[in-house]
Amino acid sequence: MEKAATPPHYPVIVIGGGQAGLSVSHYLMQQGIAHLVIEKRETGHAWANERWDSFCLVTPNWQCQLPDFPYPGPDPDGFMLRDEIVAYVQAYRDKVHPPLLEHTAVTALTRQPDGPFELATERGPFTADAVVVAISGYHLPVIPRIAERLPRSIHQLHSRDYKNPDALPEGAVLVVGSGQSGCQIAEDLHLAGRKVYLCVGRAPKSPRRYRGRDAIAWLHDMGYYDVPVEQHPLKEGVRKNANHYLTGRDGGREIDLRRFATEGMELYGRLLEIDGSSLRLGTDLKANLDAADKVAEGIKSVIDKHIAEKGIDAPSEPPYRPVWQPTIERDALDLEEAGINSVVWATGFRSDFSFVRLPVFDGTGYPTHRRGMSAMPGLAFIGLPWLHSWGSGRFAGIARDAGFIVEQLAAWLATGASSRQGRTLNGAGAAHV
């Protein structure tokens, strides 16, 4: 009987060739650790194909700090557009020149007792002493089952698949969800002259500029992006919080849903029920708007305190005054009467680590870890929101997370883990595969 070929083996395999995986590869190469980066599609795919046409960063370009590759452009205080983000990530790939295997999905990650990690892929099996899962945590679009009750004549899509106003049928548009994506898509449609109805949820709001600077610059100086999750008042519960809504569009601005209402956008509370073309909505619009404003004003108060304590000369700014208040809480909306022909579900994503067939997850399917290092020796995760700090999962904090993970893996490999597993390290992989 012919003996089965031994799968290619690496000291480390990185699953995911986006900015997180490339950052890990950068530090692995600095440590001289042979490895392979496996990417399901190609570097920059999600930025290029799962964002709308006018998409841009909400964090300033100067926060783009991939390892040894800070933002290289002429507008550090600006906000890169979608295609510029793709170019930045791909330029980093070309700089790192990682051992990269693109267009290859990992279909299963397993491990036998006292053996190496085993990866089943579309190009055959691989084994590794250590594995870094670098695929973020936003995998599957969430569309609530209630959507099935809408009439078939209504065009429905998730925010991931929204491209531009012209790609939607004529008529008014209902956007469900007021997180970052929902608010920015509602604005995109509104600026294009489309009639927009927005179901407003509980997402918090952030000021864009305050007292002469971008609010993010103030928070950066105050160390907010460096606070470990263990020191946050909500601890690990902060990982479930929605992101603050604001935009970098046209040089960056605060999103004020109340102002949109004065310009003709129709605001409602949360969507509760659907019966054909009839929608029942929560009477929580005012409460949700007030709560979002309270968060934004809280951020301003923290900045005020910092300015006062440091004796910084910064211009004063009058307190925010709401430009619009709902006079009544409308609890019903008829799609046909409103002329709504499209619904955009800006209802978030859920993670899908089902290919990782190892006992390292909690009851919700979230990886259990400390700073990305799982309870299973040799297995790490990176790119998750609040992996370690608020900067994790953003261009601002990837370098720190990747550096820490590689240091931990290098120390573990140095203990002789590979020899205990009876493997011969494959020294190949210094160039593209």
Protein backbone atom coordinates (compact mmCIF):
# COMPACT_ATOMS: atom_id res chain seq x y z
CA MET A 1 0.00 0.00 0.00
CA GLU A 2 1.34 3.41 -0.97
CA LYS A 3 2.24 5.55 2.02
CA ALA A 4 0.34 8.84 2.30
CA ALA A 5 2.42 11.93 1.65
CA THR A 6 3.38 13.95 4.71
CA PRO A 7 1.58 17.33 4.70
CA PRO A 8 3.74 20.46 4.51
CA HIS A 9 4.63 21.59 8.03
CA TYR A 10 5.40 25.07 9.38
CA PRO A 11 6.31 26.35 12.80
CA VAL A 12 3.45 28.87 12.47
CA ILE A 13 0.49 29.19 10.13
CA VAL A 14 -1.49 32.43 10.06
CA ILE A 15 -5.09 32.14 8.88
CA GLY A 16 -6.07 35.42 7.24
CA GLY A 17 -4.05 37.74 5.02
CA GLY A 18 -5.59 41.09 5.95
CA GLN A 19 -3.93 43.80 8.01
CA ALA A 20 -3.93 41.67 11.17
CA GLY A 21 -2.40 38.60 9.55
CA LEU A 22 0.17 40.69 7.69
CA SER A 23 1.18 42.36 10.96
CA VAL A 24 1.74 38.97 12.57
CA SER A 25 3.78 37.90 9.55
CA HIS A 26 5.92 41.04 9.87
CA TYR A 27 6.90 40.18 13.44
CA LEU A 28 7.39 36.49 12.66
CA MET A 29 9.85 37.45 9.93
CA GLN A 30 11.66 39.74 12.36
CA GLN A 31 11.99 36.78 14.74
CA GLY A 32 13.20 34.53 11.92
CA ILE A 33 10.28 32.14 12.42
CA ALA A 34 9.26 30.28 9.28
CA HIS A 35 5.54 30.49 8.63
CA LEU A 36 2.77 30.53 6.06
CA VAL A 37 -0.11 33.01 5.69
CA ILE A 38 -3.27 31.49 4.21
CA GLU A 39 -5.88 33.90 2.83
CA LYS A 40 -9.35 32.79 1.71
CA ARG A 41 -9.56 35.37 -1.09
CA GLU A 42 -6.95 38.10 -1.53
CA THR A 43 -5.52 40.83 0.65
CA GLY A 44 -7.95 43.74 0.89
CA HIS A 45 -10.97 41.75 -0.33
CA ALA A 46 -13.32 42.76 2.48
CA TRP A 47 -12.40 46.44 2.18
CA ALA A 48 -12.84 46.36 -1.59
CA ASN A 49 -15.97 44.25 -1.90
CA GLU A 50 -17.89 44.49 1.37
CA ARG A 51 -18.06 48.28 1.73
CA TRP A 52 -20.20 50.84 -0.08
CA ASP A 53 -18.78 53.16 -2.72
CA SER A 54 -18.50 56.28 -0.51
CA PHE A 55 -17.15 54.35 2.49
CA CYS A 56 -14.29 55.96 4.39
CA LEU A 57 -12.55 55.56 7.72
CA VAL A 58 -14.08 57.21 10.77
CA THR A 59 -10.67 57.39 12.45
CA PRO A 60 -8.05 59.86 11.16
CA ASN A 61 -5.39 58.61 8.80
CA TRP A 62 -2.63 59.26 11.34
CA GLN A 63 -4.08 56.42 13.41
CA CYS A 64 -3.19 54.00 10.61
CA GLN A 65 -0.08 52.56 12.22
CA LEU A 66 0.62 49.11 10.85
CA PRO A 67 4.00 47.79 12.05
CA ASP A 68 6.78 49.91 10.52
CA PHE A 69 4.25 51.28 8.03
CA PRO A 70 2.49 54.44 9.21
CA TYR A 71 0.07 56.21 6.90
CA PRO A 72 2.25 57.46 4.02
CA GLY A 73 -0.11 59.95 2.38
CA PRO A 74 -0.38 63.75 2.34
CA ASP A 75 -3.48 64.08 4.56
CA PRO A 76 -2.83 62.65 8.04
CA ASP A 77 -5.88 64.40 9.49
CA GLY A 78 -8.15 63.16 6.70
CA PHE A 79 -10.05 59.90 6.34
CA MET A 80 -9.07 57.41 3.67
CA LEU A 81 -11.73 56.40 1.18
CA ARG A 82 -12.46 52.76 0.47
CA ASP A 83 -10.08 52.40 -2.48
CA GLU A 84 -7.33 54.23 -0.58
CA ILE A 85 -7.71 51.79 2.31
CA VAL A 86 -7.37 48.87 -0.10
CA ALA A 87 -4.25 50.44 -1.60
CA TYR A 88 -2.76 51.02 1.88
CA VAL A 89 -3.28 47.41 2.98
CA GLN A 90 -2.00 46.00 -0.31
CA ALA A 91 1.04 48.29 -0.17
CA TYR A 92 1.75 46.88 3.28
CA ARG A 93 1.48 43.36 1.88
CA ASP A 94 4.03 44.26 -0.79
CA LYS A 95 6.35 45.76 1.84
CA VAL A 96 6.14 42.78 4.19
CA HIS A 97 6.34 40.34 1.27
CA PRO A 98 4.94 37.51 3.41
CA PRO A 99 4.87 33.81 2.52
CA LEU A 100 1.29 34.20 1.32
CA LEU A 101 -1.09 31.61 -0.11
CA GLU A 102 -4.16 33.41 -1.46
CA HIS A 103 -7.51 32.08 -2.72
CA THR A 104 -7.32 29.19 -0.29
CA ALA A 105 -9.96 28.61 2.37
CA VAL A 106 -9.15 26.77 5.59
CA THR A 107 -12.07 24.40 6.06
CA ALA A 108 -11.04 22.81 9.36
CA LEU A 109 -8.53 23.40 12.13
CA THR A 110 -8.03 20.44 14.44
CA ARG A 111 -5.41 18.94 16.69
CA GLN A 112 -4.72 15.44 17.90
CA PRO A 113 -3.47 14.96 21.51
CA ASP A 114 0.26 15.72 21.69
CA GLY A 115 0.31 16.39 17.96
CA PRO A 116 0.62 19.43 15.74
CA PHE A 117 -2.29 21.54 14.55
CA GLU A 118 -3.86 20.11 11.41
CA LEU A 119 -5.37 22.37 8.78
CA ALA A 120 -7.63 21.11 6.03
CA THR A 121 -7.67 23.53 3.10
CA GLU A 122 -8.88 23.69 -0.47
CA ARG A 123 -5.31 22.93 -1.54
CA GLY A 124 -4.79 19.98 0.74
CA PRO A 125 -3.64 19.53 4.35
CA PHE A 126 -1.01 21.42 6.29
CA THR A 127 0.31 21.05 9.82
CA ALA A 128 1.78 23.62 12.20
CA ASP A 129 3.20 23.88 15.68
CA ALA A 130 1.30 27.12 16.25
CA VAL A 131 -1.64 28.84 14.56
CA VAL A 132 -2.82 32.46 14.59
CA VAL A 133 -6.44 33.01 13.54
CA ALA A 134 -6.50 36.51 12.01
CA ILE A 135 -9.94 36.79 10.44
CA SER A 136 -11.60 39.53 12.58
CA GLY A 137 -14.98 38.82 14.14
CA TYR A 138 -17.38 40.13 11.48
CA HIS A 139 -18.17 37.15 9.31
CA LEU A 140 -21.87 36.55 8.72
CA PRO A 141 -24.38 39.35 8.10
CA VAL A 142 -27.23 39.34 10.59
CA ILE A 143 -30.70 39.83 9.13
CA PRO A 144 -33.46 39.11 11.64
CA ARG A 145 -35.95 36.40 10.72
CA ILE A 146 -38.68 39.03 10.91
CA ALA A 147 -37.47 40.14 7.48
CA GLU A 148 -39.18 37.08 5.99
CA ARG A 149 -42.53 38.76 6.68
CA LEU A 150 -41.92 41.63 4.29
CA PRO A 151 -43.74 41.54 0.94
CA ARG A 152 -41.69 40.00 -1.86
CA SER A 153 -41.98 43.25 -3.78
CA ILE A 154 -39.67 44.92 -1.22
CA HIS A 155 -36.01 44.87 -2.20
CA GLN A 156 -33.98 43.80 0.84
CA LEU A 157 -30.23 43.77 1.41
CA HIS A 158 -27.76 43.83 4.26
CA SER A 159 -25.46 46.81 4.77
CA ARG A 160 -22.55 44.64 3.59
CA ASP A 161 -24.14 44.48 0.15
CA TYR A 162 -25.17 48.13 -0.13
CA LYS A 163 -23.12 50.00 -2.77
CA ASN A 164 -24.79 53.31 -3.63
CA PRO A 165 -28.22 54.97 -3.90
CA ASP A 166 -28.51 54.33 -7.64
CA ALA A 167 -28.21 50.58 -7.09
CA LEU A 168 -31.54 50.54 -5.21
CA PRO A 169 -34.97 50.62 -6.83
CA GLU A 170 -36.68 53.99 -7.13
CA GLY A 171 -38.69 55.12 -4.14
CA ALA A 172 -38.10 55.65 -0.46
CA VAL A 173 -35.67 53.52 1.57
CA LEU A 174 -36.03 52.15 5.09
CA VAL A 175 -32.75 51.70 6.97
CA VAL A 176 -33.01 49.48 10.02
CA GLY A 177 -30.28 50.15 12.56
CA SER A 178 -28.44 53.30 13.61
CA GLY A 179 -24.93 52.05 14.32
CA GLN A 180 -21.98 53.29 12.28
CA SER A 181 -23.07 51.57 9.07
CA GLY A 182 -26.75 52.40 9.41
CA CYS A 183 -26.17 56.10 10.07
CA GLN A 184 -23.60 56.46 7.29
CA ILE A 185 -25.77 54.64 4.75
CA ALA A 186 -28.79 56.72 5.77
CA GLU A 187 -26.67 59.84 5.24
CA ASP A 188 -25.42 58.55 1.87
CA LEU A 189 -29.01 58.07 0.70
CA HIS A 190 -30.14 61.37 2.21
CA LEU A 191 -27.40 63.38 0.50
CA ALA A 192 -28.35 61.75 -2.80
CA GLY A 193 -31.87 63.11 -2.43
CA ARG A 194 -33.53 59.83 -1.53
CA LYS A 195 -36.40 59.80 0.96
CA VAL A 196 -35.07 57.93 3.98
CA TYR A 197 -36.83 56.33 6.93
CA LEU A 198 -34.50 55.29 9.74
CA CYS A 199 -35.23 52.96 12.66
CA VAL A 200 -33.07 54.37 15.45
CA GLY A 201 -31.61 51.95 17.98
CA ARG A 202 -29.38 52.37 21.00
CA ALA A 203 -26.01 52.94 19.37
CA PRO A 204 -23.96 55.74 20.99
CA LYS A 205 -22.88 58.93 19.26
CA SER A 206 -19.46 60.59 19.22
CA PRO A 207 -18.48 64.18 18.56
CA ARG A 208 -16.26 64.62 15.52
CA ARG A 209 -14.42 67.82 16.43
CA TYR A 210 -14.41 69.51 19.81
CA ARG A 211 -12.52 72.50 21.12
CA GLY A 212 -10.33 72.87 18.08
CA ARG A 213 -9.34 69.24 17.46
CA ASP A 214 -10.74 65.94 16.33
CA ALA A 215 -12.22 64.23 19.37
CA ILE A 216 -10.20 61.13 18.57
CA ALA A 217 -7.00 63.16 18.88
CA TRP A 218 -8.01 64.22 22.39
CA LEU A 219 -8.91 60.65 23.37
CA HIS A 220 -5.64 59.38 21.90
CA ASP A 221 -3.64 61.86 23.98
CA MET A 222 -5.58 60.77 27.07
CA GLY A 223 -4.67 57.11 26.48
CA TYR A 224 -8.21 55.88 25.90
CA TYR A 225 -7.13 53.58 23.07
CA ASP A 226 -4.51 51.96 25.30
CA VAL A 227 -6.68 51.00 28.30
CA PRO A 228 -6.72 47.18 28.64
CA VAL A 229 -10.13 45.56 28.56
CA GLU A 230 -9.61 44.31 32.12
CA GLN A 231 -9.45 47.92 33.33
CA HIS A 232 -12.57 49.07 31.52
CA PRO A 233 -15.58 49.62 33.81
CA LEU A 234 -17.58 47.05 31.82
CA LYS A 235 -14.66 44.58 31.67
CA GLU A 236 -15.17 42.08 28.84
CA GLY A 237 -18.78 43.19 28.50
CA VAL A 238 -17.55 46.18 26.50
CA ARG A 239 -16.91 43.83 23.59
CA LYS A 240 -20.68 43.65 23.03
CA ASN A 241 -21.13 47.42 22.80
CA ALA A 242 -22.05 49.06 19.52
CA ASN A 243 -19.51 51.43 17.99
CA HIS A 244 -20.12 55.17 18.28
CA TYR A 245 -21.54 56.68 15.13
CA LEU A 246 -19.80 59.52 13.30
CA THR A 247 -18.28 59.86 9.84
CA GLY A 248 -15.08 60.84 8.06
CA ARG A 249 -17.00 61.87 4.95
CA ASP A 250 -16.06 65.18 3.31
CA GLY A 251 -13.25 65.74 5.77
CA GLY A 252 -15.09 64.35 8.77
CA ARG A 253 -18.16 65.45 10.68
CA GLU A 254 -20.47 64.47 13.47
CA ILE A 255 -23.64 62.69 12.43
CA ASP A 256 -26.64 64.50 13.90
CA LEU A 257 -29.78 62.50 13.23
CA ARG A 258 -31.85 65.36 14.59
CA ARG A 259 -30.55 67.66 11.86
CA PHE A 260 -31.40 65.04 9.27
CA ALA A 261 -34.95 65.06 10.65
CA THR A 262 -35.20 68.82 10.01
CA GLU A 263 -34.14 68.11 6.42
CA GLY A 264 -36.82 65.52 5.76
CA MET A 265 -35.44 62.22 7.04
CA GLU A 266 -38.11 60.30 8.95
CA LEU A 267 -36.93 58.91 12.28
CA TYR A 268 -38.66 56.10 14.15
CA GLY A 269 -37.91 53.89 17.12
CA ARG A 270 -36.81 50.28 16.94
CA LEU A 271 -38.55 47.84 14.61
CA LEU A 272 -40.69 45.40 16.61
CA GLU A 273 -43.05 43.58 14.24
CA ILE A 274 -43.85 43.21 10.55
CA ASP A 275 -47.24 42.24 9.14
CA GLY A 276 -47.05 42.51 5.38
CA SER A 277 -46.45 46.16 4.58
CA SER A 278 -47.39 47.25 8.11
CA LEU A 279 -44.62 47.80 10.64
CA ARG A 280 -44.96 48.19 14.40
CA LEU A 281 -42.23 50.28 16.00
CA GLY A 282 -41.10 51.01 19.51
CA THR A 283 -41.93 54.29 21.17
CA ASP A 284 -38.30 54.77 22.17
CA LEU A 285 -37.10 57.28 19.58
CA LYS A 286 -36.70 60.18 21.99
CA ALA A 287 -35.01 57.97 24.59
CA ASN A 288 -32.57 56.61 22.02
CA LEU A 289 -31.70 60.04 20.63
CA ASP A 290 -31.25 61.44 24.13
CA ALA A 291 -29.05 58.50 25.17
CA ALA A 292 -26.82 58.92 22.10
CA ASP A 293 -26.45 62.64 22.79
CA LYS A 294 -25.65 61.92 26.43
CA VAL A 295 -22.76 59.70 25.39
CA ALA A 296 -21.40 62.38 23.05
CA GLU A 297 -21.69 65.04 25.75
CA GLY A 298 -19.98 62.69 28.19
CA ILE A 299 -17.02 62.42 25.83
CA LYS A 300 -16.87 66.20 25.68
CA SER A 301 -16.91 66.42 29.47
CA VAL A 302 -13.95 64.05 29.71
CA ILE A 303 -12.08 66.19 27.20
CA ASP A 304 -12.96 69.35 29.15
CA LYS A 305 -11.51 67.81 32.30
CA HIS A 306 -8.30 66.83 30.49
CA ILE A 307 -7.90 70.34 29.07
CA ALA A 308 -8.42 71.90 32.49
CA GLU A 309 -6.04 69.53 34.29
CA LYS A 310 -3.26 70.00 31.72
CA GLY A 311 -3.77 73.74 31.39
CA ILE A 312 -4.16 73.44 27.63
CA ASP A 313 -5.06 76.56 25.68
CA ALA A 314 -8.05 75.39 23.67
CA PRO A 315 -11.01 77.38 22.34
CA SER A 316 -14.23 77.12 24.29
CA GLU A 317 -17.34 75.65 22.73
CA PRO A 318 -20.99 76.17 23.65
CA PRO A 319 -22.98 73.16 24.88
CA TYR A 320 -24.92 71.13 22.34
CA ARG A 321 -28.53 72.13 21.84
CA PRO A 322 -30.84 69.64 20.09
CA VAL A 323 -32.14 71.10 16.85
CA TRP A 324 -35.15 68.77 16.75
CA GLN A 325 -37.27 66.74 19.11
CA PRO A 326 -39.93 64.17 18.21
CA THR A 327 -43.31 65.70 19.10
CA ILE A 328 -45.00 62.31 19.15
CA GLU A 329 -43.78 58.72 19.27
CA ARG A 330 -45.05 57.10 16.09
CA ASP A 331 -45.51 53.38 16.59
CA ALA A 332 -46.59 52.36 13.08
CA LEU A 333 -45.38 52.71 9.51
CA ASP A 334 -46.97 51.41 6.32
CA LEU A 335 -44.39 50.71 3.64
CA GLU A 336 -46.84 51.00 0.78
CA GLU A 337 -48.26 54.32 1.95
CA ALA A 338 -44.75 55.69 2.52
CA GLY A 339 -43.59 54.58 -0.93
CA ILE A 340 -40.82 52.43 0.55
CA ASN A 341 -39.49 49.94 -1.99
CA SER A 342 -36.16 49.03 -0.35
CA VAL A 343 -35.00 47.99 3.11
CA VAL A 344 -31.35 48.10 4.16
CA TRP A 345 -30.66 45.93 7.20
CA ALA A 346 -27.83 47.60 9.12
CA THR A 347 -28.14 45.01 11.85
CA GLY A 348 -24.56 43.91 12.29
CA PHE A 349 -22.63 40.69 11.94
CA ARG A 350 -21.95 37.57 13.91
CA SER A 351 -18.72 35.66 14.09
CA ASP A 352 -18.27 32.23 12.55
CA PHE A 353 -15.33 30.23 13.86
CA SER A 354 -17.02 26.91 13.10
CA PHE A 355 -13.98 25.70 11.15
CA VAL A 356 -11.95 25.88 14.38
CA ARG A 357 -12.84 22.52 15.88
CA LEU A 358 -11.05 22.99 19.16
CA PRO A 359 -12.38 23.54 22.71
CA VAL A 360 -11.44 27.21 23.04
CA PHE A 361 -14.81 28.98 22.85
CA ASP A 362 -17.35 30.23 25.35
CA GLY A 363 -21.08 29.54 25.25
CA THR A 364 -21.66 32.26 22.65
CA GLY A 365 -19.00 30.97 20.27
CA TYR A 366 -16.51 33.72 21.16
CA PRO A 367 -12.87 32.65 21.56
CA THR A 368 -11.72 32.65 25.18
CA HIS A 369 -8.32 34.30 25.37
CA ARG A 370 -6.01 36.67 27.19
CA ARG A 371 -4.60 39.29 24.87
CA GLY A 372 -5.31 36.95 21.99
CA MET A 373 -3.64 33.88 23.49
CA SER A 374 -6.15 31.06 23.89
CA ALA A 375 -6.13 28.46 26.64
CA MET A 376 -4.71 25.98 24.14
CA PRO A 377 -0.92 26.39 23.87
CA GLY A 378 0.11 27.56 20.43
CA LEU A 379 -3.28 28.92 19.34
CA ALA A 380 -3.91 32.67 19.15
CA PHE A 381 -6.54 35.07 17.80
CA ILE A 382 -6.06 38.62 16.53
CA GLY A 383 -8.17 41.33 14.90
CA LEU A 384 -11.10 41.06 17.30
CA PRO A 385 -12.69 44.21 18.75
CA TRP A 386 -11.32 44.86 22.22
CA LEU A 387 -8.92 41.93 21.92
CA HIS A 388 -6.77 43.89 24.38
CA SER A 389 -7.83 47.53 24.14
CA TRP A 390 -10.10 49.90 22.24
CA GLY A 391 -7.36 50.14 19.63
CA SER A 392 -7.55 46.40 18.90
CA GLY A 393 -9.34 45.56 15.68
CA ARG A 394 -8.37 48.99 14.33
CA PHE A 395 -5.32 50.10 12.39
CA ALA A 396 -4.23 51.93 15.56
CA GLY A 397 -3.73 48.89 17.78
CA ILE A 398 -2.87 45.99 15.51
CA ALA A 399 0.90 46.43 15.83
CA ARG A 400 0.85 46.12 19.62
CA ASP A 401 -1.41 43.06 19.54
CA ALA A 402 0.61 41.34 16.82
CA GLY A 403 3.90 42.04 18.55
CA PHE A 404 2.66 40.60 21.82
CA ILE A 405 1.25 37.46 20.22
CA VAL A 406 4.44 36.76 18.27
CA GLU A 407 6.55 37.24 21.41
CA GLN A 408 4.39 34.71 23.23
CA LEU A 409 4.52 32.20 20.38
CA ALA A 410 8.29 32.63 19.95
CA ALA A 411 8.82 31.89 23.63
CA TRP A 412 6.55 28.86 23.44
CA LEU A 413 8.25 27.49 20.33
CA ALA A 414 11.62 27.98 22.00
CA THR A 415 10.60 25.62 24.81
CA GLY A 416 10.81 22.75 22.32
CA ALA A 417 7.11 22.39 21.61
CA SER A 418 7.81 21.33 18.04
CA SER A 419 10.25 18.60 19.02
CA ARG A 420 7.82 17.26 21.62
CA GLN A 421 5.33 16.89 18.80
CA GLY A 422 7.82 14.93 16.78
CA ARG A 423 7.88 17.28 13.83
CA THR A 424 10.68 18.57 11.63
CA LEU A 425 10.36 22.30 11.18
CA ASN A 426 9.93 23.40 7.61
CA GLY A 427 12.32 26.27 7.03
CA ALA A 428 10.71 27.23 3.72
CA GLY A 429 8.47 30.21 3.34
CA ALA A 430 10.54 33.37 3.03
CA ALA A 431 8.80 34.39 -0.19
CA HIS A 432 5.34 34.24 -1.73
CA VAL A 433 3.99 30.72 -2.11
